[in-house]
Amino acid sequence: MTERRFNLIKTDFEQHEKRTFPRFPFCYLTFKPEESARAHEIKDISLTGMQLGTNADSNAYSEGQVLSGIVHWLGQELHMHGKVMWSTKGRVGVEFTKRQELTQSLQKFLSLERTVKALKPLHRVDYGAELPAKLKYWLRADGPAELFVWQHQDGELSQFQILLFDIFVEWKDGLGLKTGRIMSKRNVDTPLLDEDEIVFRVDEGIDDNKLQRARSLVSLFSEDLLQTSAKEFLLMKLY
């Protein structure tokens, strides 16, 4: 797959950018609504809400609808309550009910330690799809986190992106760091590879809190996930 050029969108008030990444077809983070036999894949999740994958041929839920059910991940489950904020064919956005005990439970359920344990080195997994030629490392933990590390033709690292809940952190050779907030994600079907198109709102300047979260995630990587030299390179660029 040829390298895509960055697409910049400017408005009077804020700046958004798009990135397109390969999409792994399996997810073990799911939500099962009450009184439903079918579970939905959780595409994104944070302390405030989640995005569900649904049948692409229909609008499964309506805006304003109240949802209750169970989130399943890594052998544990969490009871959730929320409201549908938007619904399109294939995706539903849910805002969690604002309850202190729910937020505390979510913080434990989605801790960095549990997230790192769920990371899979997809660059070493053969699942029947050809990866982009310049993608050197790809770590994925279902909905909460994902890391992409790219290389130049000579093997030197050229850029990386860290997706952690709604946080987006990127470093690119020659351009440096960029931080932002993930605003949306949608499937992009191509003849050879399933992809995700991610839109994020660019921060004005660098958000140190986002960098700190990214450093905390990377610092927990083991050698089995990422070579020590690559880990040290990422941490150096995140300062």
Protein backbone atom coordinates (compact mmCIF):
# COMPACT_ATOMS: atom_id res chain seq x y z
CA MET A 1 0.00 0.00 0.00
CA THR A 2 1.46 3.34 -0.97
CA GLU A 3 2.06 5.90 1.75
CA ARG A 4 -0.86 8.28 2.04
CA ARG A 5 -0.39 12.01 2.09
CA PHE A 6 -1.71 13.83 5.15
CA ASN A 7 -5.03 15.54 4.56
CA LEU A 8 -5.39 18.86 6.42
CA ILE A 9 -8.78 20.39 7.15
CA LYS A 10 -8.92 23.97 8.46
CA THR A 11 -11.83 25.85 10.01
CA ASP A 12 -12.12 29.25 11.64
CA PHE A 13 -11.98 27.76 15.12
CA GLU A 14 -9.98 24.57 15.11
CA GLN A 15 -7.80 22.33 12.98
CA HIS A 16 -8.42 18.69 12.17
CA GLU A 17 -6.30 16.11 10.40
CA LYS A 18 -6.95 12.62 9.05
CA ARG A 19 -4.83 9.51 9.23
CA THR A 20 -5.53 6.14 7.65
CA PHE A 21 -4.24 3.00 9.36
CA PRO A 22 -4.59 -0.75 8.80
CA ARG A 23 -7.44 -2.32 10.77
CA PHE A 24 -7.18 -5.66 12.56
CA PRO A 25 -10.39 -7.64 11.90
CA PHE A 26 -10.77 -9.17 15.37
CA CYS A 27 -11.67 -7.45 18.65
CA TYR A 28 -12.14 -9.03 22.07
CA LEU A 29 -13.53 -5.91 23.77
CA THR A 30 -17.31 -6.22 23.44
CA PHE A 31 -20.57 -4.81 24.78
CA LYS A 32 -23.67 -6.97 25.23
CA PRO A 33 -26.90 -5.01 25.77
CA GLU A 34 -29.44 -6.30 28.26
CA GLU A 35 -32.06 -8.64 26.78
CA SER A 36 -30.01 -9.06 23.62
CA ALA A 37 -28.36 -12.20 22.32
CA ARG A 38 -25.87 -10.26 20.24
CA ALA A 39 -22.70 -8.55 21.45
CA HIS A 40 -21.18 -5.55 19.69
CA GLU A 41 -17.51 -4.87 19.09
CA ILE A 42 -16.29 -1.76 20.93
CA LYS A 43 -14.37 0.33 18.42
CA ASP A 44 -13.33 3.03 20.90
CA ILE A 45 -13.79 3.52 24.62
CA SER A 46 -12.88 6.16 27.20
CA LEU A 47 -14.02 7.19 30.68
CA THR A 48 -16.92 9.14 29.15
CA GLY A 49 -18.26 6.90 26.40
CA MET A 50 -17.75 4.29 23.73
CA GLN A 51 -18.26 3.69 20.02
CA LEU A 52 -19.89 0.42 19.00
CA GLY A 53 -19.73 -1.44 15.74
CA THR A 54 -23.15 -2.57 14.48
CA ASN A 55 -24.71 -4.10 11.40
CA ALA A 56 -23.54 -1.92 8.52
CA ASP A 57 -26.84 -2.37 6.69
CA SER A 58 -29.07 -0.81 9.33
CA ASN A 59 -29.33 1.82 12.06
CA ALA A 60 -29.49 -0.46 15.09
CA TYR A 61 -30.16 2.29 17.65
CA SER A 62 -31.79 5.70 17.71
CA GLU A 63 -30.46 8.94 19.15
CA GLY A 64 -31.46 9.42 22.77
CA GLN A 65 -32.05 5.72 23.39
CA VAL A 66 -30.95 4.48 26.82
CA LEU A 67 -28.61 1.48 26.82
CA SER A 68 -27.63 -0.84 29.65
CA GLY A 69 -25.47 -3.92 29.43
CA ILE A 70 -22.12 -5.53 30.11
CA VAL A 71 -18.67 -4.75 28.74
CA HIS A 72 -16.48 -7.87 28.41
CA TRP A 73 -12.68 -7.71 28.20
CA LEU A 74 -9.80 -9.96 29.26
CA GLY A 75 -12.04 -12.30 31.24
CA GLN A 76 -13.66 -9.52 33.25
CA GLU A 77 -16.94 -7.69 32.87
CA LEU A 78 -18.36 -4.30 33.83
CA HIS A 79 -22.00 -3.22 33.95
CA MET A 80 -22.58 -0.02 31.99
CA HIS A 81 -25.39 2.49 31.54
CA GLY A 82 -25.47 5.16 28.87
CA LYS A 83 -27.35 7.07 26.20
CA VAL A 84 -27.04 6.92 22.42
CA MET A 85 -25.67 10.28 21.24
CA TRP A 86 -25.52 9.47 17.53
CA SER A 87 -26.17 6.54 15.24
CA THR A 88 -25.07 5.78 11.68
CA LYS A 89 -24.95 2.66 9.58
CA GLY A 90 -22.27 0.55 11.19
CA ARG A 91 -21.43 2.77 14.20
CA VAL A 92 -23.14 4.00 17.38
CA GLY A 93 -21.80 6.58 19.85
CA VAL A 94 -22.76 6.07 23.51
CA GLU A 95 -22.19 8.50 26.38
CA PHE A 96 -21.88 6.87 29.80
CA THR A 97 -24.13 7.89 32.65
CA LYS A 98 -22.26 10.36 34.86
CA ARG A 99 -21.78 8.39 38.04
CA GLN A 100 -18.73 8.58 40.27
CA GLU A 101 -18.67 4.85 41.02
CA LEU A 102 -18.81 4.04 37.31
CA THR A 103 -15.86 6.32 36.58
CA GLN A 104 -13.84 4.67 39.34
CA SER A 105 -14.69 1.21 38.01
CA LEU A 106 -13.76 2.26 34.48
CA GLN A 107 -10.38 3.59 35.63
CA LYS A 108 -9.55 0.16 37.05
CA PHE A 109 -11.08 -1.73 34.13
CA LEU A 110 -9.15 0.36 31.57
CA SER A 111 -5.92 0.85 33.53
CA LEU A 112 -2.65 1.16 31.63
CA GLU A 113 -1.43 -2.08 33.20
CA ARG A 114 -4.43 -4.04 31.88
CA THR A 115 -4.16 -2.28 28.54
CA VAL A 116 -0.49 -3.24 28.13
CA LYS A 117 -1.30 -6.86 28.99
CA ALA A 118 -3.83 -6.85 26.15
CA LEU A 119 -1.38 -5.49 23.57
CA LYS A 120 -0.65 -7.81 20.66
CA PRO A 121 2.39 -7.40 18.34
CA LEU A 122 0.43 -7.57 15.10
CA HIS A 123 3.56 -7.02 13.01
CA ARG A 124 4.42 -10.62 13.97
CA VAL A 125 0.93 -12.07 13.45
CA ASP A 126 -0.10 -13.64 10.16
CA TYR A 127 -3.84 -13.09 9.84
CA GLY A 128 -4.09 -13.29 6.07
CA ALA A 129 -3.58 -9.63 5.19
CA GLU A 130 -0.45 -7.95 3.88
CA LEU A 131 0.80 -5.09 6.03
CA PRO A 132 1.95 -1.76 4.56
CA ALA A 133 5.58 -2.12 3.46
CA LYS A 134 6.93 0.67 5.69
CA LEU A 135 5.07 -0.37 8.87
CA LYS A 136 7.73 -1.81 11.20
CA TYR A 137 5.81 -2.21 14.48
CA TRP A 138 2.09 -2.45 15.17
CA LEU A 139 0.80 -2.99 18.72
CA ARG A 140 -2.91 -3.17 19.44
CA ALA A 141 -5.02 -3.61 22.59
CA ASP A 142 -8.52 -3.92 21.15
CA GLY A 143 -10.25 -0.56 21.76
CA PRO A 144 -8.12 1.38 24.28
CA ALA A 145 -4.68 1.63 22.67
CA GLU A 146 -2.75 1.23 19.43
CA LEU A 147 0.82 2.01 18.31
CA PHE A 148 2.10 2.33 14.75
CA VAL A 149 5.83 2.74 14.04
CA TRP A 150 7.00 3.35 10.46
CA GLN A 151 10.43 3.22 8.85
CA HIS A 152 12.34 4.80 5.98
CA GLN A 153 13.54 2.74 3.06
CA ASP A 154 16.92 2.32 4.81
CA GLY A 155 15.30 0.93 7.96
CA GLU A 156 15.59 4.04 10.13
CA LEU A 157 12.41 4.94 12.02
CA SER A 158 10.50 7.69 10.22
CA GLN A 159 7.36 8.29 12.31
CA PHE A 160 5.05 6.85 14.93
CA GLN A 161 1.49 7.34 16.15
CA ILE A 162 0.08 6.48 19.57
CA LEU A 163 -3.67 6.16 20.04
CA LEU A 164 -4.63 5.91 23.73
CA PHE A 165 -8.35 6.22 24.40
CA ASP A 166 -9.14 9.65 22.87
CA ILE A 167 -5.50 10.81 22.87
CA PHE A 168 -3.50 11.09 19.64
CA VAL A 169 0.29 11.57 19.73
CA GLU A 170 2.44 11.62 16.62
CA TRP A 171 6.12 12.14 15.85
CA LYS A 172 7.41 12.48 12.29
CA ASP A 173 11.00 12.80 11.15
CA GLY A 174 11.67 16.40 10.17
CA LEU A 175 8.41 17.71 11.65
CA GLY A 176 8.62 16.67 15.30
CA LEU A 177 5.77 16.06 17.73
CA LYS A 178 2.04 16.70 17.39
CA THR A 179 -0.74 15.98 19.88
CA GLY A 180 -4.51 16.00 19.60
CA ARG A 181 -7.83 14.46 20.49
CA ILE A 182 -9.43 11.69 18.43
CA MET A 183 -12.81 12.91 17.19
CA SER A 184 -14.02 10.05 14.97
CA LYS A 185 -13.08 6.73 13.44
CA ARG A 186 -14.66 4.96 10.50
CA ASN A 187 -14.01 1.90 8.38
CA VAL A 188 -12.45 2.34 4.95
CA ASP A 189 -12.76 -0.72 2.73
CA THR A 190 -10.10 -1.15 0.08
CA PRO A 191 -9.52 -4.05 -2.34
CA LEU A 192 -6.53 -5.39 -0.41
CA LEU A 193 -6.84 -4.28 3.20
CA ASP A 194 -9.42 -3.13 5.74
CA GLU A 195 -8.48 0.27 7.11
CA ASP A 196 -9.60 2.82 9.70
CA GLU A 197 -9.77 6.52 8.94
CA ILE A 198 -9.18 8.54 12.10
CA VAL A 199 -9.93 12.25 12.42
CA PHE A 200 -8.28 14.09 15.30
CA ARG A 201 -8.38 17.67 16.49
CA VAL A 202 -4.89 19.11 16.58
CA ASP A 203 -3.74 20.81 19.77
CA GLU A 204 -2.47 24.34 19.56
CA GLY A 205 1.06 23.57 20.66
CA ILE A 206 2.03 20.34 22.41
CA ASP A 207 -0.13 19.00 25.23
CA ASP A 208 2.27 17.84 27.98
CA ASN A 209 -0.44 15.78 29.68
CA LYS A 210 -0.97 13.74 26.50
CA LEU A 211 2.78 13.22 26.18
CA GLN A 212 2.95 12.05 29.79
CA ARG A 213 0.19 9.52 29.18
CA ALA A 214 1.97 8.28 26.07
CA ARG A 215 5.27 7.97 27.95
CA SER A 216 3.57 6.04 30.74
CA LEU A 217 2.17 3.58 28.20
CA VAL A 218 5.43 3.07 26.30
CA SER A 219 7.46 2.72 29.51
CA LEU A 220 5.45 -0.43 30.36
CA PHE A 221 6.31 -2.20 27.09
CA SER A 222 8.30 -5.40 27.47
CA GLU A 223 10.95 -6.68 25.05
CA ASP A 224 8.35 -9.17 23.78
CA LEU A 225 6.23 -6.26 22.55
CA LEU A 226 8.86 -3.83 21.31
CA GLN A 227 12.62 -4.02 20.92
CA THR A 228 14.49 -2.08 23.59
CA SER A 229 16.15 0.18 21.01
CA ALA A 230 12.77 1.12 19.52
CA LYS A 231 11.26 1.68 22.97
CA GLU A 232 14.14 3.98 23.95
CA PHE A 233 13.76 5.85 20.65
CA LEU A 234 10.05 6.47 21.28
CA LEU A 235 10.64 7.63 24.85
CA MET A 236 13.39 9.99 23.69
CA LYS A 237 11.08 11.57 21.11
CA LEU A 238 8.22 11.89 23.63
CA TYR A 239 10.21 14.36 25.74
